[in-house]
Amino acid sequence: MPYYRGGEEAIKKFVIDNLKYPKDALEQKVEGEVEASYDVDGLGRTRKIKIISGLGYGCDEEVIRLIGLLKYEKAFNKGRNVTLHRKLKVNFKLPAIKKSVNQKISYQVVKAKSKEKEPPKEAPKKITYTINLNS
């Protein structure tokens, strides 16, 4: 039978290293699991990729892309055609968002100087604004 070099752990590592979270799924905050079935022919190529249970928002297409990238070792079965039927589950979990520390931005509004000399006035009042940015 065709086999993946390194076994199941190598497949998991391949998926983790190559998974690209779809933009639509990130925007819609979609999480969950996509399950797909596929066949591996005697030459180690993946064929007939089908989504069994999907999430949409580009996640199903990403799993199809990943499975298409898998390269199995050739089967040595005395000249007979061999097909391996497999299933793969890919878990989509949103990346952890780092909580930012409250940032303070201070600025001062200063009136532009005019060319004419104005009589001396009282010292301008300092205005300070604090803006908290929470992501």
N, C-alpha and C. Protein backbone atom coordinates (compact mmCIF):
# COMPACT_ATOMS: atom_id res chain seq x y z
N MET A 1 0.84 -1.19 0.00
CA MET A 1 0.00 0.00 0.00
C MET A 1 0.87 1.24 0.00
N PRO A 2 0.41 2.32 -0.63
CA PRO A 2 1.15 3.58 -0.56
C PRO A 2 1.18 4.06 0.90
N TYR A 3 2.26 4.67 1.31
CA TYR A 3 2.34 5.17 2.67
C TYR A 3 2.98 6.56 2.67
N TYR A 4 2.66 7.30 3.73
CA TYR A 4 3.23 8.64 3.87
C TYR A 4 4.48 8.52 4.73
N ARG A 5 5.59 9.00 4.22
CA ARG A 5 6.86 8.88 4.94
C ARG A 5 6.75 9.62 6.27
N GLY A 6 6.96 8.88 7.35
CA GLY A 6 6.87 9.47 8.69
C GLY A 6 5.56 9.14 9.38
N GLY A 7 4.59 8.59 8.64
CA GLY A 7 3.32 8.16 9.24
C GLY A 7 2.38 9.30 9.59
N GLU A 8 1.46 8.99 10.50
CA GLU A 8 0.41 9.94 10.88
C GLU A 8 0.97 11.22 11.51
N GLU A 9 2.02 11.09 12.30
CA GLU A 9 2.61 12.28 12.92
C GLU A 9 3.18 13.23 11.87
N ALA A 10 3.75 12.67 10.82
CA ALA A 10 4.30 13.51 9.74
C ALA A 10 3.17 14.21 8.98
N ILE A 11 2.03 13.52 8.80
CA ILE A 11 0.89 14.16 8.14
C ILE A 11 0.38 15.32 8.99
N LYS A 12 0.26 15.10 10.31
CA LYS A 12 -0.20 16.17 11.20
C LYS A 12 0.74 17.37 11.15
N LYS A 13 2.04 17.10 11.18
CA LYS A 13 3.02 18.18 11.12
C LYS A 13 2.91 18.93 9.78
N PHE A 14 2.73 18.19 8.69
CA PHE A 14 2.59 18.81 7.37
C PHE A 14 1.38 19.76 7.36
N VAL A 15 0.26 19.29 7.91
CA VAL A 15 -0.96 20.12 7.93
C VAL A 15 -0.73 21.38 8.76
N ILE A 16 -0.13 21.23 9.94
CA ILE A 16 0.12 22.38 10.81
C ILE A 16 1.04 23.38 10.12
N ASP A 17 2.10 22.88 9.49
CA ASP A 17 3.08 23.76 8.85
C ASP A 17 2.54 24.47 7.61
N ASN A 18 1.58 23.86 6.92
CA ASN A 18 1.13 24.40 5.63
C ASN A 18 -0.28 24.99 5.63
N LEU A 19 -0.99 24.88 6.75
CA LEU A 19 -2.36 25.38 6.83
C LEU A 19 -2.36 26.91 6.78
N LYS A 20 -3.17 27.46 5.89
CA LYS A 20 -3.35 28.91 5.80
C LYS A 20 -4.81 29.19 6.14
N TYR A 21 -5.03 29.87 7.25
CA TYR A 21 -6.40 30.16 7.69
C TYR A 21 -7.03 31.09 6.67
N PRO A 22 -8.14 30.69 6.08
CA PRO A 22 -8.78 31.54 5.05
C PRO A 22 -9.21 32.90 5.60
N LYS A 23 -9.05 33.92 4.78
CA LYS A 23 -9.39 35.29 5.17
C LYS A 23 -10.86 35.41 5.59
N ASP A 24 -11.77 34.81 4.79
CA ASP A 24 -13.20 34.88 5.12
C ASP A 24 -13.49 34.24 6.48
N ALA A 25 -12.84 33.12 6.75
CA ALA A 25 -13.06 32.43 8.03
C ALA A 25 -12.54 33.27 9.19
N LEU A 26 -11.43 33.96 8.99
CA LEU A 26 -10.91 34.85 10.04
C LEU A 26 -11.87 36.00 10.30
N GLU A 27 -12.35 36.61 9.22
CA GLU A 27 -13.26 37.75 9.36
C GLU A 27 -14.56 37.35 10.05
N GLN A 28 -15.06 36.16 9.75
CA GLN A 28 -16.32 35.69 10.32
C GLN A 28 -16.11 34.92 11.63
N LYS A 29 -14.85 34.79 12.05
CA LYS A 29 -14.49 34.09 13.30
C LYS A 29 -15.02 32.66 13.30
N VAL A 30 -14.76 31.95 12.21
CA VAL A 30 -15.23 30.57 12.05
C VAL A 30 -14.19 29.61 12.60
N GLU A 31 -14.63 28.70 13.45
CA GLU A 31 -13.79 27.64 13.99
C GLU A 31 -14.52 26.32 13.81
N GLY A 32 -13.77 25.24 13.79
CA GLY A 32 -14.39 23.93 13.71
C GLY A 32 -13.51 22.95 12.97
N GLU A 33 -14.13 21.85 12.57
CA GLU A 33 -13.39 20.76 11.95
C GLU A 33 -13.93 20.47 10.56
N VAL A 34 -13.02 20.23 9.63
CA VAL A 34 -13.37 19.82 8.28
C VAL A 34 -12.87 18.40 8.11
N GLU A 35 -13.74 17.51 7.66
CA GLU A 35 -13.34 16.12 7.41
C GLU A 35 -13.46 15.86 5.92
N ALA A 36 -12.42 15.23 5.38
CA ALA A 36 -12.39 14.93 3.95
C ALA A 36 -11.94 13.49 3.73
N SER A 37 -12.38 12.93 2.61
CA SER A 37 -11.91 11.61 2.21
C SER A 37 -11.16 11.77 0.90
N TYR A 38 -10.22 10.86 0.65
CA TYR A 38 -9.45 10.91 -0.59
C TYR A 38 -8.85 9.54 -0.85
N ASP A 39 -8.44 9.33 -2.08
CA ASP A 39 -7.77 8.10 -2.47
C ASP A 39 -6.33 8.41 -2.80
N VAL A 40 -5.46 7.43 -2.57
CA VAL A 40 -4.06 7.53 -2.96
C VAL A 40 -3.81 6.41 -3.95
N ASP A 41 -3.35 6.77 -5.16
CA ASP A 41 -3.11 5.73 -6.16
C ASP A 41 -1.74 5.08 -5.94
N GLY A 42 -1.43 4.09 -6.75
CA GLY A 42 -0.19 3.34 -6.61
C GLY A 42 1.07 4.18 -6.80
N LEU A 43 0.94 5.34 -7.42
CA LEU A 43 2.09 6.22 -7.62
C LEU A 43 2.25 7.24 -6.50
N GLY A 44 1.34 7.18 -5.51
CA GLY A 44 1.43 8.07 -4.36
C GLY A 44 0.71 9.40 -4.53
N ARG A 45 -0.09 9.52 -5.59
CA ARG A 45 -0.82 10.77 -5.84
C ARG A 45 -2.20 10.73 -5.18
N THR A 46 -2.63 11.86 -4.65
CA THR A 46 -3.96 11.94 -4.05
C THR A 46 -5.00 12.23 -5.13
N ARG A 47 -6.12 11.54 -5.06
CA ARG A 47 -7.19 11.64 -6.05
C ARG A 47 -8.55 11.64 -5.34
N LYS A 48 -9.58 12.03 -6.06
CA LYS A 48 -10.98 11.97 -5.60
C LYS A 48 -11.15 12.55 -4.19
N ILE A 49 -10.72 13.78 -4.02
CA ILE A 49 -10.84 14.45 -2.72
C ILE A 49 -12.27 14.94 -2.56
N LYS A 50 -12.91 14.54 -1.45
CA LYS A 50 -14.30 14.94 -1.19
C LYS A 50 -14.42 15.41 0.25
N ILE A 51 -15.19 16.47 0.44
CA ILE A 51 -15.46 16.98 1.79
C ILE A 51 -16.62 16.19 2.37
N ILE A 52 -16.42 15.58 3.53
CA ILE A 52 -17.48 14.83 4.20
C ILE A 52 -18.29 15.79 5.08
N SER A 53 -17.59 16.57 5.89
CA SER A 53 -18.26 17.60 6.68
C SER A 53 -17.39 18.85 6.63
N GLY A 54 -18.00 19.96 6.26
CA GLY A 54 -17.24 21.18 6.04
C GLY A 54 -17.73 22.34 6.87
N LEU A 55 -16.99 23.44 6.78
CA LEU A 55 -17.32 24.67 7.50
C LEU A 55 -17.69 25.81 6.57
N GLY A 56 -17.22 25.75 5.33
CA GLY A 56 -17.42 26.87 4.42
C GLY A 56 -16.41 27.96 4.69
N TYR A 57 -16.65 29.16 4.19
CA TYR A 57 -15.80 30.34 4.37
C TYR A 57 -14.36 30.09 3.92
N GLY A 58 -14.16 29.19 2.97
CA GLY A 58 -12.82 28.92 2.45
C GLY A 58 -12.09 27.79 3.15
N CYS A 59 -12.62 27.30 4.27
CA CYS A 59 -11.95 26.22 5.01
C CYS A 59 -11.95 24.92 4.21
N ASP A 60 -13.07 24.60 3.56
CA ASP A 60 -13.16 23.36 2.78
C ASP A 60 -12.13 23.37 1.64
N GLU A 61 -12.03 24.50 0.97
CA GLU A 61 -11.09 24.62 -0.14
C GLU A 61 -9.64 24.51 0.35
N GLU A 62 -9.38 25.02 1.55
CA GLU A 62 -8.03 24.92 2.11
C GLU A 62 -7.66 23.47 2.40
N VAL A 63 -8.60 22.69 2.91
CA VAL A 63 -8.34 21.27 3.17
C VAL A 63 -8.10 20.54 1.85
N ILE A 64 -8.87 20.85 0.82
CA ILE A 64 -8.66 20.23 -0.50
C ILE A 64 -7.27 20.58 -1.02
N ARG A 65 -6.86 21.83 -0.83
CA ARG A 65 -5.52 22.26 -1.26
C ARG A 65 -4.44 21.48 -0.53
N LEU A 66 -4.60 21.34 0.79
CA LEU A 66 -3.60 20.62 1.59
C LEU A 66 -3.49 19.16 1.17
N ILE A 67 -4.62 18.50 1.00
CA ILE A 67 -4.59 17.09 0.61
C ILE A 67 -3.93 16.94 -0.76
N GLY A 68 -4.19 17.87 -1.65
CA GLY A 68 -3.57 17.83 -2.97
C GLY A 68 -2.05 17.96 -2.91
N LEU A 69 -1.53 18.55 -1.84
CA LEU A 69 -0.08 18.71 -1.69
C LEU A 69 0.60 17.47 -1.08
N LEU A 70 -0.18 16.59 -0.46
CA LEU A 70 0.40 15.40 0.17
C LEU A 70 1.05 14.50 -0.88
N LYS A 71 2.23 14.01 -0.58
CA LYS A 71 2.95 13.10 -1.48
C LYS A 71 3.24 11.80 -0.73
N TYR A 72 2.61 10.73 -1.16
CA TYR A 72 2.81 9.41 -0.57
C TYR A 72 3.90 8.67 -1.34
N GLU A 73 4.49 7.68 -0.68
CA GLU A 73 5.47 6.82 -1.34
C GLU A 73 4.73 5.87 -2.28
N LYS A 74 5.39 5.45 -3.33
CA LYS A 74 4.79 4.53 -4.29
C LYS A 74 4.54 3.17 -3.63
N ALA A 75 3.52 2.49 -4.14
CA ALA A 75 3.21 1.15 -3.64
C ALA A 75 3.96 0.13 -4.48
N PHE A 76 4.49 -0.89 -3.82
CA PHE A 76 5.15 -1.98 -4.52
C PHE A 76 4.31 -3.22 -4.30
N ASN A 77 3.47 -3.54 -5.28
CA ASN A 77 2.53 -4.64 -5.11
C ASN A 77 2.53 -5.53 -6.36
N LYS A 78 3.70 -5.94 -6.80
CA LYS A 78 3.87 -6.90 -7.90
C LYS A 78 3.07 -6.52 -9.15
N GLY A 79 3.12 -5.24 -9.53
CA GLY A 79 2.50 -4.80 -10.76
C GLY A 79 1.00 -4.59 -10.73
N ARG A 80 0.37 -4.77 -9.61
CA ARG A 80 -1.09 -4.56 -9.51
C ARG A 80 -1.39 -3.13 -9.09
N ASN A 81 -2.51 -2.62 -9.60
CA ASN A 81 -2.94 -1.28 -9.18
C ASN A 81 -3.44 -1.34 -7.75
N VAL A 82 -2.97 -0.41 -6.95
CA VAL A 82 -3.35 -0.36 -5.54
C VAL A 82 -3.91 1.02 -5.26
N THR A 83 -5.02 1.07 -4.57
CA THR A 83 -5.61 2.34 -4.17
C THR A 83 -5.86 2.30 -2.67
N LEU A 84 -5.40 3.34 -2.01
CA LEU A 84 -5.58 3.47 -0.57
C LEU A 84 -6.68 4.51 -0.33
N HIS A 85 -7.67 4.18 0.48
CA HIS A 85 -8.75 5.11 0.82
C HIS A 85 -8.44 5.68 2.20
N ARG A 86 -8.42 7.02 2.28
CA ARG A 86 -8.06 7.69 3.54
C ARG A 86 -9.07 8.77 3.89
N LYS A 87 -9.06 9.14 5.17
CA LYS A 87 -9.84 10.28 5.66
C LYS A 87 -8.88 11.16 6.44
N LEU A 88 -9.17 12.45 6.42
CA LEU A 88 -8.34 13.41 7.15
C LEU A 88 -9.26 14.45 7.79
N LYS A 89 -9.01 14.72 9.07
CA LYS A 89 -9.74 15.76 9.77
C LYS A 89 -8.77 16.90 10.05
N VAL A 90 -9.20 18.11 9.71
CA VAL A 90 -8.38 19.29 9.95
C VAL A 90 -9.17 20.22 10.86
N ASN A 91 -8.55 20.58 11.98
CA ASN A 91 -9.20 21.44 12.95
C ASN A 91 -8.79 22.90 12.70
N PHE A 92 -9.77 23.75 12.52
CA PHE A 92 -9.52 25.19 12.35
C PHE A 92 -9.82 25.86 13.68
N LYS A 93 -8.79 26.45 14.28
CA LYS A 93 -8.95 27.17 15.53
C LYS A 93 -8.35 28.54 15.34
N LEU A 94 -9.12 29.55 15.68
CA LEU A 94 -8.65 30.93 15.50
C LEU A 94 -7.37 31.16 16.29
N PRO A 95 -6.43 31.89 15.71
CA PRO A 95 -5.19 32.18 16.43
C PRO A 95 -5.49 33.03 17.65
N ALA A 96 -4.71 32.81 18.71
CA ALA A 96 -4.89 33.59 19.93
C ALA A 96 -4.54 35.04 19.66
N ILE A 97 -5.40 35.93 20.11
CA ILE A 97 -5.16 37.36 19.93
C ILE A 97 -4.45 37.87 21.17
N LYS A 98 -3.32 38.50 20.95
CA LYS A 98 -2.57 39.05 22.08
C LYS A 98 -3.30 40.28 22.58
N LYS A 99 -3.50 40.30 23.89
CA LYS A 99 -4.15 41.47 24.47
C LYS A 99 -3.10 42.56 24.58
N SER A 100 -3.41 43.67 23.97
CA SER A 100 -2.45 44.77 24.01
C SER A 100 -2.59 45.54 25.31
N VAL A 101 -1.49 46.05 25.75
CA VAL A 101 -1.48 46.87 26.95
C VAL A 101 -2.12 48.20 26.58
N ASN A 102 -2.90 48.74 27.50
CA ASN A 102 -3.53 50.04 27.21
C ASN A 102 -2.45 51.04 26.83
N GLN A 103 -2.61 51.62 25.68
CA GLN A 103 -1.66 52.59 25.19
C GLN A 103 -2.22 53.98 25.42
N LYS A 104 -1.36 54.88 25.85
CA LYS A 104 -1.80 56.25 26.07
C LYS A 104 -1.11 57.13 25.05
N ILE A 105 -1.91 57.96 24.42
CA ILE A 105 -1.38 58.92 23.47
C ILE A 105 -1.72 60.30 24.02
N SER A 106 -0.70 61.09 24.21
CA SER A 106 -0.92 62.45 24.70
C SER A 106 -0.48 63.42 23.61
N TYR A 107 -1.25 64.47 23.45
CA TYR A 107 -0.87 65.50 22.50
C TYR A 107 -1.39 66.83 22.99
N GLN A 108 -0.82 67.88 22.44
CA GLN A 108 -1.17 69.22 22.86
C GLN A 108 -1.58 70.03 21.63
N VAL A 109 -2.65 70.79 21.75
CA VAL A 109 -3.11 71.64 20.65
C VAL A 109 -2.51 73.02 20.88
N VAL A 110 -1.75 73.47 19.87
CA VAL A 110 -1.10 74.78 19.98
C VAL A 110 -1.60 75.64 18.84
N LYS A 111 -1.97 76.86 19.17
CA LYS A 111 -2.47 77.80 18.17
C LYS A 111 -1.28 78.31 17.36
N ALA A 112 -1.44 78.37 16.05
CA ALA A 112 -0.37 78.84 15.18
C ALA A 112 -0.11 80.31 15.44
N LYS A 113 1.16 80.69 15.37
CA LYS A 113 1.53 82.09 15.59
C LYS A 113 1.18 82.89 14.35
N SER A 114 0.60 84.07 14.58
CA SER A 114 0.32 84.94 13.44
C SER A 114 1.48 85.91 13.28
N LYS A 115 1.58 86.53 12.11
CA LYS A 115 2.70 87.42 11.82
C LYS A 115 2.58 88.75 12.57
N GLU A 116 1.36 89.15 12.87
CA GLU A 116 1.16 90.41 13.59
C GLU A 116 1.42 90.19 15.07
N LYS A 117 1.96 91.20 15.69
CA LYS A 117 2.20 91.10 17.12
C LYS A 117 0.89 91.34 17.84
N GLU A 118 0.59 90.42 18.71
CA GLU A 118 -0.61 90.55 19.52
C GLU A 118 -0.19 90.98 20.91
N PRO A 119 -1.10 91.66 21.58
CA PRO A 119 -0.76 92.04 22.95
C PRO A 119 -0.58 90.79 23.80
N PRO A 120 0.28 90.83 24.79
CA PRO A 120 0.51 89.65 25.63
C PRO A 120 -0.79 89.20 26.28
N LYS A 121 -0.97 87.92 26.27
CA LYS A 121 -2.16 87.34 26.88
C LYS A 121 -1.72 86.46 28.04
N GLU A 122 -2.74 85.98 28.71
CA GLU A 122 -2.44 85.04 29.79
C GLU A 122 -1.83 83.79 29.17
N ALA A 123 -1.12 83.07 29.95
CA ALA A 123 -0.48 81.83 29.47
C ALA A 123 -1.58 80.89 28.97
N PRO A 124 -1.34 80.29 27.79
CA PRO A 124 -2.37 79.39 27.25
C PRO A 124 -2.56 78.18 28.17
N LYS A 125 -3.80 77.72 28.20
CA LYS A 125 -4.10 76.54 29.02
C LYS A 125 -3.63 75.30 28.27
N LYS A 126 -3.04 74.42 29.00
CA LYS A 126 -2.56 73.17 28.41
C LYS A 126 -3.73 72.18 28.40
N ILE A 127 -4.02 71.66 27.23
CA ILE A 127 -5.10 70.69 27.10
C ILE A 127 -4.45 69.34 26.81
N THR A 128 -4.78 68.36 27.60
CA THR A 128 -4.22 67.02 27.41
C THR A 128 -5.37 66.03 27.21
N TYR A 129 -5.23 65.21 26.18
CA TYR A 129 -6.21 64.18 25.90
C TYR A 129 -5.55 62.83 26.12
N THR A 130 -6.29 61.90 26.64
CA THR A 130 -5.80 60.52 26.79
C THR A 130 -6.75 59.63 26.01
N ILE A 131 -6.18 58.85 25.11
CA ILE A 131 -6.98 57.95 24.29
C ILE A 131 -6.50 56.54 24.58
N ASN A 132 -7.42 55.68 25.01
CA ASN A 132 -7.08 54.27 25.26
C ASN A 132 -7.49 53.46 24.04
N LEU A 133 -6.55 52.71 23.52
CA LEU A 133 -6.80 51.84 22.37
C LEU A 133 -6.90 50.41 22.86
N ASN A 134 -8.03 49.82 22.67
CA ASN A 134 -8.21 48.40 23.04
C ASN A 134 -8.49 47.62 21.79
N SER A 135 -7.65 46.65 21.49
CA SER A 135 -7.84 45.85 20.28
C SER A 135 -8.72 44.69 20.60
